[in-house]
Amino acid sequence: MYKLRVDKWLWAARFYKTRALAVDEINKGRVEVNGQAAKPARELKPGDTVTLRREGLARTVVVKGLSAQRGPAPVAQQLYEETPESVQARESLLERRRLAPEPADSIEHGRPTKRERRDLDQARGWGDRWSASLDDEQKR
């Protein structure tokens, strides 16, 4: 096999779970072949450079082999070789994510407890009322 569609190769190399997902990402402009925007039917050959952007990270891989079948992950990893710059960028991003503060730590107060909720209702002047609608006001 000398050439293969880029969407089929991305699926076979296990970058995307389905060919439809690969086509969607290509149509969104998140995949480039040799520095140019790709279309799903663009043909790849060994030696081409593919750049994909996923989850805030751009991965650059060099096509080493072609396969029209989706095989196990170890076989799929033999279809490409990631560039050293891409590996370094991916590892630094993972390290930054690992060292980033937990988003939930910035929340000072969570949901009020039952006692705090009663105190809030009392402070707002709701008292024994169960609803704040205008209809309740007119009925009283």
N, C-alpha and C. Protein backbone atom coordinates (compact mmCIF):
# COMPACT_ATOMS: atom_id res chain seq x y z
N MET A 1 0.85 -1.17 0.00
CA MET A 1 0.00 0.00 0.00
C MET A 1 0.90 1.24 0.00
N TYR A 2 0.74 2.08 -0.98
CA TYR A 2 1.62 3.22 -1.15
C TYR A 2 1.04 4.50 -0.55
N LYS A 3 -0.26 4.72 -0.70
CA LYS A 3 -0.91 5.91 -0.16
C LYS A 3 -2.19 5.53 0.56
N LEU A 4 -2.61 6.38 1.53
CA LEU A 4 -3.81 6.11 2.32
C LEU A 4 -4.44 7.43 2.73
N ARG A 5 -5.76 7.46 2.78
CA ARG A 5 -6.47 8.66 3.20
C ARG A 5 -6.05 9.03 4.63
N VAL A 6 -5.97 10.33 4.90
CA VAL A 6 -5.51 10.78 6.21
C VAL A 6 -6.52 10.41 7.30
N ASP A 7 -7.82 10.47 7.03
CA ASP A 7 -8.79 10.12 8.06
C ASP A 7 -8.69 8.64 8.43
N LYS A 8 -8.47 7.80 7.44
CA LYS A 8 -8.34 6.36 7.68
C LYS A 8 -7.05 6.08 8.47
N TRP A 9 -5.98 6.79 8.15
CA TRP A 9 -4.71 6.57 8.85
C TRP A 9 -4.81 7.03 10.31
N LEU A 10 -5.46 8.18 10.56
CA LEU A 10 -5.61 8.67 11.93
C LEU A 10 -6.41 7.68 12.77
N TRP A 11 -7.42 7.07 12.16
CA TRP A 11 -8.21 6.06 12.85
C TRP A 11 -7.38 4.80 13.11
N ALA A 12 -6.65 4.35 12.10
CA ALA A 12 -5.85 3.13 12.24
C ALA A 12 -4.70 3.33 13.23
N ALA A 13 -4.16 4.55 13.30
CA ALA A 13 -3.06 4.84 14.23
C ALA A 13 -3.57 5.15 15.63
N ARG A 14 -4.88 5.04 15.84
CA ARG A 14 -5.53 5.20 17.14
C ARG A 14 -5.43 6.61 17.72
N PHE A 15 -5.42 7.61 16.88
CA PHE A 15 -5.51 8.98 17.37
C PHE A 15 -6.97 9.33 17.66
N TYR A 16 -7.88 8.72 16.91
CA TYR A 16 -9.32 8.94 17.10
C TYR A 16 -10.02 7.59 17.14
N LYS A 17 -11.09 7.52 17.91
CA LYS A 17 -11.78 6.26 18.12
C LYS A 17 -12.56 5.80 16.88
N THR A 18 -13.08 6.76 16.13
CA THR A 18 -13.83 6.41 14.91
C THR A 18 -13.34 7.28 13.76
N ARG A 19 -13.60 6.83 12.56
CA ARG A 19 -13.24 7.63 11.39
C ARG A 19 -14.08 8.91 11.35
N ALA A 20 -15.32 8.82 11.82
CA ALA A 20 -16.18 10.01 11.83
C ALA A 20 -15.59 11.10 12.72
N LEU A 21 -15.05 10.73 13.87
CA LEU A 21 -14.40 11.72 14.74
C LEU A 21 -13.17 12.31 14.05
N ALA A 22 -12.42 11.48 13.36
CA ALA A 22 -11.25 11.97 12.64
C ALA A 22 -11.66 12.96 11.57
N VAL A 23 -12.72 12.65 10.83
CA VAL A 23 -13.20 13.56 9.78
C VAL A 23 -13.66 14.88 10.39
N ASP A 24 -14.36 14.83 11.53
CA ASP A 24 -14.81 16.06 12.19
C ASP A 24 -13.63 16.94 12.59
N GLU A 25 -12.61 16.33 13.16
CA GLU A 25 -11.43 17.11 13.59
C GLU A 25 -10.69 17.69 12.39
N ILE A 26 -10.62 16.93 11.31
CA ILE A 26 -9.96 17.43 10.10
C ILE A 26 -10.75 18.61 9.54
N ASN A 27 -12.07 18.48 9.49
CA ASN A 27 -12.91 19.57 8.97
C ASN A 27 -12.87 20.80 9.84
N LYS A 28 -12.60 20.64 11.13
CA LYS A 28 -12.47 21.79 12.03
C LYS A 28 -11.11 22.47 11.91
N GLY A 29 -10.23 21.92 11.10
CA GLY A 29 -8.92 22.52 10.89
C GLY A 29 -7.90 22.16 11.94
N ARG A 30 -8.11 21.10 12.67
CA ARG A 30 -7.19 20.71 13.75
C ARG A 30 -6.13 19.73 13.30
N VAL A 31 -6.13 19.39 12.02
CA VAL A 31 -5.13 18.44 11.50
C VAL A 31 -4.46 19.09 10.29
N GLU A 32 -3.13 19.04 10.27
CA GLU A 32 -2.35 19.55 9.15
C GLU A 32 -1.43 18.45 8.65
N VAL A 33 -1.22 18.44 7.35
CA VAL A 33 -0.29 17.50 6.74
C VAL A 33 0.79 18.31 6.04
N ASN A 34 2.02 18.11 6.44
CA ASN A 34 3.17 18.85 5.88
C ASN A 34 2.96 20.36 5.95
N GLY A 35 2.38 20.83 7.05
CA GLY A 35 2.20 22.27 7.26
C GLY A 35 1.00 22.88 6.55
N GLN A 36 0.21 22.09 5.87
CA GLN A 36 -0.97 22.60 5.17
C GLN A 36 -2.23 21.98 5.76
N ALA A 37 -3.31 22.77 5.76
CA ALA A 37 -4.59 22.25 6.23
C ALA A 37 -4.98 21.03 5.39
N ALA A 38 -5.50 20.02 6.05
CA ALA A 38 -5.82 18.77 5.36
C ALA A 38 -7.32 18.64 5.15
N LYS A 39 -7.67 17.82 4.19
CA LYS A 39 -9.04 17.39 3.97
C LYS A 39 -9.07 15.89 4.25
N PRO A 40 -10.23 15.34 4.59
CA PRO A 40 -10.27 13.92 4.94
C PRO A 40 -9.73 12.98 3.86
N ALA A 41 -9.90 13.33 2.60
CA ALA A 41 -9.48 12.44 1.51
C ALA A 41 -8.02 12.65 1.10
N ARG A 42 -7.32 13.55 1.76
CA ARG A 42 -5.92 13.79 1.42
C ARG A 42 -5.12 12.51 1.63
N GLU A 43 -4.28 12.20 0.69
CA GLU A 43 -3.52 10.96 0.77
C GLU A 43 -2.20 11.17 1.50
N LEU A 44 -1.90 10.23 2.39
CA LEU A 44 -0.65 10.23 3.14
C LEU A 44 0.28 9.19 2.55
N LYS A 45 1.56 9.45 2.71
CA LYS A 45 2.56 8.46 2.34
C LYS A 45 3.64 8.47 3.41
N PRO A 46 4.40 7.43 3.55
CA PRO A 46 5.46 7.41 4.56
C PRO A 46 6.40 8.60 4.39
N GLY A 47 6.74 9.23 5.51
CA GLY A 47 7.61 10.40 5.50
C GLY A 47 6.85 11.70 5.66
N ASP A 48 5.54 11.69 5.49
CA ASP A 48 4.74 12.91 5.69
C ASP A 48 4.71 13.28 7.17
N THR A 49 4.55 14.57 7.44
CA THR A 49 4.44 15.07 8.80
C THR A 49 2.99 15.47 9.07
N VAL A 50 2.43 14.93 10.13
CA VAL A 50 1.04 15.21 10.51
C VAL A 50 1.05 15.94 11.85
N THR A 51 0.34 17.07 11.92
CA THR A 51 0.21 17.82 13.17
C THR A 51 -1.25 17.80 13.58
N LEU A 52 -1.52 17.33 14.81
CA LEU A 52 -2.89 17.31 15.33
C LEU A 52 -2.96 18.13 16.60
N ARG A 53 -4.04 18.85 16.76
CA ARG A 53 -4.27 19.63 17.98
C ARG A 53 -5.43 18.99 18.73
N ARG A 54 -5.12 18.51 19.94
CA ARG A 54 -6.13 17.89 20.81
C ARG A 54 -5.88 18.32 22.23
N GLU A 55 -6.95 18.72 22.92
CA GLU A 55 -6.90 19.05 24.33
C GLU A 55 -5.82 20.09 24.65
N GLY A 56 -5.72 21.11 23.82
CA GLY A 56 -4.76 22.17 24.06
C GLY A 56 -3.32 21.81 23.77
N LEU A 57 -3.10 20.74 23.07
CA LEU A 57 -1.75 20.28 22.79
C LEU A 57 -1.61 19.94 21.32
N ALA A 58 -0.55 20.43 20.70
CA ALA A 58 -0.27 20.11 19.30
C ALA A 58 0.76 18.99 19.27
N ARG A 59 0.41 17.87 18.65
CA ARG A 59 1.32 16.75 18.50
C ARG A 59 1.76 16.68 17.04
N THR A 60 3.05 16.51 16.84
CA THR A 60 3.60 16.39 15.50
C THR A 60 4.20 15.00 15.37
N VAL A 61 3.73 14.28 14.36
CA VAL A 61 4.23 12.92 14.14
C VAL A 61 4.66 12.77 12.69
N VAL A 62 5.62 11.88 12.47
CA VAL A 62 6.08 11.55 11.14
C VAL A 62 5.53 10.17 10.79
N VAL A 63 4.89 10.06 9.64
CA VAL A 63 4.29 8.80 9.21
C VAL A 63 5.40 7.82 8.84
N LYS A 64 5.42 6.65 9.52
CA LYS A 64 6.41 5.62 9.22
C LYS A 64 5.81 4.49 8.41
N GLY A 65 4.51 4.26 8.59
CA GLY A 65 3.87 3.16 7.88
C GLY A 65 2.40 3.45 7.65
N LEU A 66 1.79 2.68 6.78
CA LEU A 66 0.39 2.84 6.45
C LEU A 66 -0.35 1.55 6.77
N SER A 67 -1.57 1.70 7.25
CA SER A 67 -2.41 0.55 7.51
C SER A 67 -3.86 0.97 7.39
N ALA A 68 -4.63 0.21 6.65
CA ALA A 68 -6.05 0.51 6.49
C ALA A 68 -6.87 -0.19 7.56
N GLN A 69 -6.22 -1.01 8.39
CA GLN A 69 -6.92 -1.72 9.45
C GLN A 69 -6.51 -1.16 10.79
N ARG A 70 -7.48 -1.10 11.70
CA ARG A 70 -7.20 -0.66 13.07
C ARG A 70 -6.79 -1.88 13.87
N GLY A 71 -5.57 -1.87 14.35
CA GLY A 71 -5.06 -3.01 15.09
C GLY A 71 -4.83 -2.64 16.55
N PRO A 72 -4.14 -3.51 17.28
CA PRO A 72 -3.84 -3.22 18.68
C PRO A 72 -2.89 -2.02 18.81
N ALA A 73 -2.90 -1.41 19.99
CA ALA A 73 -2.12 -0.19 20.22
C ALA A 73 -0.63 -0.36 19.91
N PRO A 74 0.02 -1.45 20.32
CA PRO A 74 1.45 -1.57 19.99
C PRO A 74 1.72 -1.57 18.49
N VAL A 75 0.82 -2.15 17.73
CA VAL A 75 0.98 -2.15 16.27
C VAL A 75 0.72 -0.76 15.72
N ALA A 76 -0.29 -0.08 16.26
CA ALA A 76 -0.63 1.27 15.79
C ALA A 76 0.51 2.25 16.07
N GLN A 77 1.22 2.07 17.16
CA GLN A 77 2.32 2.97 17.50
C GLN A 77 3.50 2.82 16.56
N GLN A 78 3.56 1.73 15.83
CA GLN A 78 4.63 1.54 14.86
C GLN A 78 4.35 2.28 13.55
N LEU A 79 3.15 2.83 13.40
CA LEU A 79 2.79 3.55 12.17
C LEU A 79 3.34 4.97 12.16
N TYR A 80 3.79 5.47 13.30
CA TYR A 80 4.26 6.86 13.37
C TYR A 80 5.39 6.99 14.38
N GLU A 81 6.07 8.13 14.29
CA GLU A 81 7.11 8.47 15.26
C GLU A 81 6.90 9.92 15.63
N GLU A 82 6.76 10.18 16.91
CA GLU A 82 6.53 11.54 17.38
C GLU A 82 7.86 12.29 17.40
N THR A 83 7.84 13.55 16.98
CA THR A 83 9.06 14.34 16.94
C THR A 83 9.52 14.67 18.36
N PRO A 84 10.82 14.86 18.57
CA PRO A 84 11.33 15.17 19.92
C PRO A 84 10.72 16.47 20.49
N GLU A 85 10.50 17.47 19.65
CA GLU A 85 9.90 18.73 20.13
C GLU A 85 8.48 18.48 20.64
N SER A 86 7.75 17.63 19.93
CA SER A 86 6.38 17.31 20.32
C SER A 86 6.36 16.54 21.64
N VAL A 87 7.27 15.61 21.81
CA VAL A 87 7.36 14.84 23.05
C VAL A 87 7.67 15.77 24.21
N GLN A 88 8.62 16.67 24.01
CA GLN A 88 9.00 17.61 25.07
C GLN A 88 7.84 18.52 25.43
N ALA A 89 7.12 19.05 24.44
CA ALA A 89 5.98 19.92 24.71
C ALA A 89 4.88 19.17 25.45
N ARG A 90 4.62 17.93 25.07
CA ARG A 90 3.59 17.13 25.73
C ARG A 90 3.95 16.85 27.18
N GLU A 91 5.21 16.51 27.43
CA GLU A 91 5.64 16.23 28.80
C GLU A 91 5.61 17.48 29.67
N SER A 92 5.98 18.63 29.11
CA SER A 92 5.94 19.87 29.90
C SER A 92 4.49 20.26 30.22
N LEU A 93 3.57 20.03 29.28
CA LEU A 93 2.16 20.33 29.54
C LEU A 93 1.61 19.41 30.63
N LEU A 94 1.95 18.13 30.57
CA LEU A 94 1.50 17.21 31.61
C LEU A 94 2.06 17.59 32.98
N GLU A 95 3.30 18.04 33.00
CA GLU A 95 3.91 18.46 34.27
C GLU A 95 3.22 19.71 34.81
N ARG A 96 2.92 20.67 33.92
CA ARG A 96 2.20 21.87 34.37
C ARG A 96 0.82 21.53 34.90
N ARG A 97 0.13 20.60 34.25
CA ARG A 97 -1.19 20.19 34.73
C ARG A 97 -1.09 19.51 36.09
N ARG A 98 -0.03 18.72 36.26
CA ARG A 98 0.14 18.02 37.54
C ARG A 98 0.41 19.01 38.68
N LEU A 99 1.16 20.07 38.39
CA LEU A 99 1.52 21.04 39.42
C LEU A 99 0.49 22.16 39.58
N ALA A 100 -0.49 22.23 38.70
CA ALA A 100 -1.50 23.30 38.76
C ALA A 100 -2.35 23.12 40.01
N PRO A 101 -2.84 24.25 40.56
CA PRO A 101 -3.68 24.14 41.75
C PRO A 101 -5.03 23.50 41.43
N GLU A 102 -5.59 22.86 42.40
CA GLU A 102 -6.89 22.23 42.25
C GLU A 102 -7.96 23.32 42.11
N PRO A 103 -8.77 23.30 41.06
CA PRO A 103 -9.78 24.34 40.87
C PRO A 103 -10.78 24.44 42.01
N ALA A 104 -11.10 23.33 42.65
CA ALA A 104 -12.09 23.36 43.72
C ALA A 104 -11.55 24.05 44.98
N ASP A 105 -10.23 24.18 45.09
CA ASP A 105 -9.66 24.85 46.26
C ASP A 105 -9.97 26.33 46.30
N SER A 106 -10.30 26.93 45.16
CA SER A 106 -10.58 28.36 45.12
C SER A 106 -11.99 28.69 45.61
N ILE A 107 -12.83 27.69 45.78
CA ILE A 107 -14.19 27.91 46.26
C ILE A 107 -14.14 28.07 47.78
N GLU A 108 -14.54 29.25 48.25
CA GLU A 108 -14.47 29.51 49.68
C GLU A 108 -15.63 28.86 50.42
N HIS A 109 -16.81 29.06 49.89
CA HIS A 109 -18.00 28.51 50.54
C HIS A 109 -18.73 27.62 49.56
N GLY A 110 -19.07 26.47 50.02
CA GLY A 110 -19.84 25.57 49.19
C GLY A 110 -21.32 25.78 49.42
N ARG A 111 -22.05 24.76 49.24
CA ARG A 111 -23.48 24.79 49.44
C ARG A 111 -23.78 24.97 50.93
N PRO A 112 -24.73 25.80 51.27
CA PRO A 112 -25.00 26.02 52.70
C PRO A 112 -25.59 24.78 53.37
N THR A 113 -25.29 24.64 54.65
CA THR A 113 -25.88 23.55 55.41
C THR A 113 -27.33 23.89 55.71
N LYS A 114 -28.04 22.97 56.30
CA LYS A 114 -29.45 23.20 56.60
C LYS A 114 -29.60 24.36 57.58
N ARG A 115 -28.73 24.42 58.56
CA ARG A 115 -28.80 25.50 59.55
C ARG A 115 -28.49 26.85 58.88
N GLU A 116 -27.42 26.87 58.04
CA GLU A 116 -27.08 28.12 57.35
C GLU A 116 -28.20 28.56 56.42
N ARG A 117 -28.88 27.60 55.81
CA ARG A 117 -29.99 27.92 54.91
C ARG A 117 -31.14 28.55 55.68
N ARG A 118 -31.44 28.03 56.85
CA ARG A 118 -32.50 28.62 57.68
C ARG A 118 -32.13 30.03 58.11
N ASP A 119 -30.86 30.23 58.46
CA ASP A 119 -30.40 31.57 58.85
C ASP A 119 -30.51 32.54 57.68
N LEU A 120 -30.17 32.09 56.46
CA LEU A 120 -30.29 32.95 55.29
C LEU A 120 -31.75 33.31 55.02
N ASP A 121 -32.63 32.32 55.12
CA ASP A 121 -34.05 32.58 54.90
C ASP A 121 -34.59 33.57 55.93
N GLN A 122 -34.17 33.42 57.18
CA GLN A 122 -34.62 34.31 58.25
C GLN A 122 -34.10 35.73 58.00
N ALA A 123 -32.88 35.86 57.53
CA ALA A 123 -32.29 37.18 57.27
C ALA A 123 -32.98 37.86 56.10
N ARG A 124 -33.46 37.10 55.15
CA ARG A 124 -34.16 37.68 54.00
C ARG A 124 -35.60 38.04 54.34
N GLY A 125 -36.05 37.62 55.48
CA GLY A 125 -37.41 37.96 55.88
C GLY A 125 -38.47 37.03 55.32
N TRP A 126 -38.09 35.85 54.93
CA TRP A 126 -39.07 34.93 54.38
C TRP A 126 -39.86 34.26 55.48
N GLY A 127 -39.25 34.10 56.61
CA GLY A 127 -39.97 33.51 57.74
C GLY A 127 -40.49 32.12 57.44
N ASP A 128 -41.81 31.94 57.61
CA ASP A 128 -42.42 30.63 57.43
C ASP A 128 -42.86 30.38 55.99
N ARG A 129 -42.68 31.35 55.12
CA ARG A 129 -43.15 31.20 53.75
C ARG A 129 -42.31 30.18 53.01
N TRP A 130 -42.93 29.40 52.19
CA TRP A 130 -42.22 28.39 51.42
C TRP A 130 -41.99 28.84 50.00
N SER A 131 -42.60 29.96 49.58
CA SER A 131 -42.44 30.45 48.22
C SER A 131 -42.33 31.96 48.25
N ALA A 132 -41.60 32.49 47.30
CA ALA A 132 -41.42 33.94 47.24
C ALA A 132 -42.19 34.55 46.08
N SER A 133 -43.14 33.83 45.53
CA SER A 133 -43.87 34.35 44.38
C SER A 133 -44.85 35.43 44.80
N LEU A 134 -45.23 36.26 43.87
CA LEU A 134 -46.17 37.34 44.12
C LEU A 134 -47.56 36.81 44.41
N ASP A 135 -47.92 35.66 43.90
CA ASP A 135 -49.24 35.10 44.14
C ASP A 135 -49.45 34.86 45.62
N ASP A 136 -48.43 34.43 46.31
CA ASP A 136 -48.55 34.17 47.75
C ASP A 136 -48.79 35.48 48.51
N GLU A 137 -48.19 36.55 48.06
CA GLU A 137 -48.38 37.85 48.71
C GLU A 137 -49.82 38.30 48.60
N GLN A 138 -50.44 38.09 47.44
CA GLN A 138 -51.81 38.55 47.23
C GLN A 138 -52.81 37.71 48.01
N LYS A 139 -52.49 36.45 48.27
CA LYS A 139 -53.40 35.56 48.98
C LYS A 139 -53.45 35.90 50.47
N ARG A 140 -52.43 36.51 51.00
CA ARG A 140 -52.38 36.81 52.44
C ARG A 140 -53.22 37.96 52.80
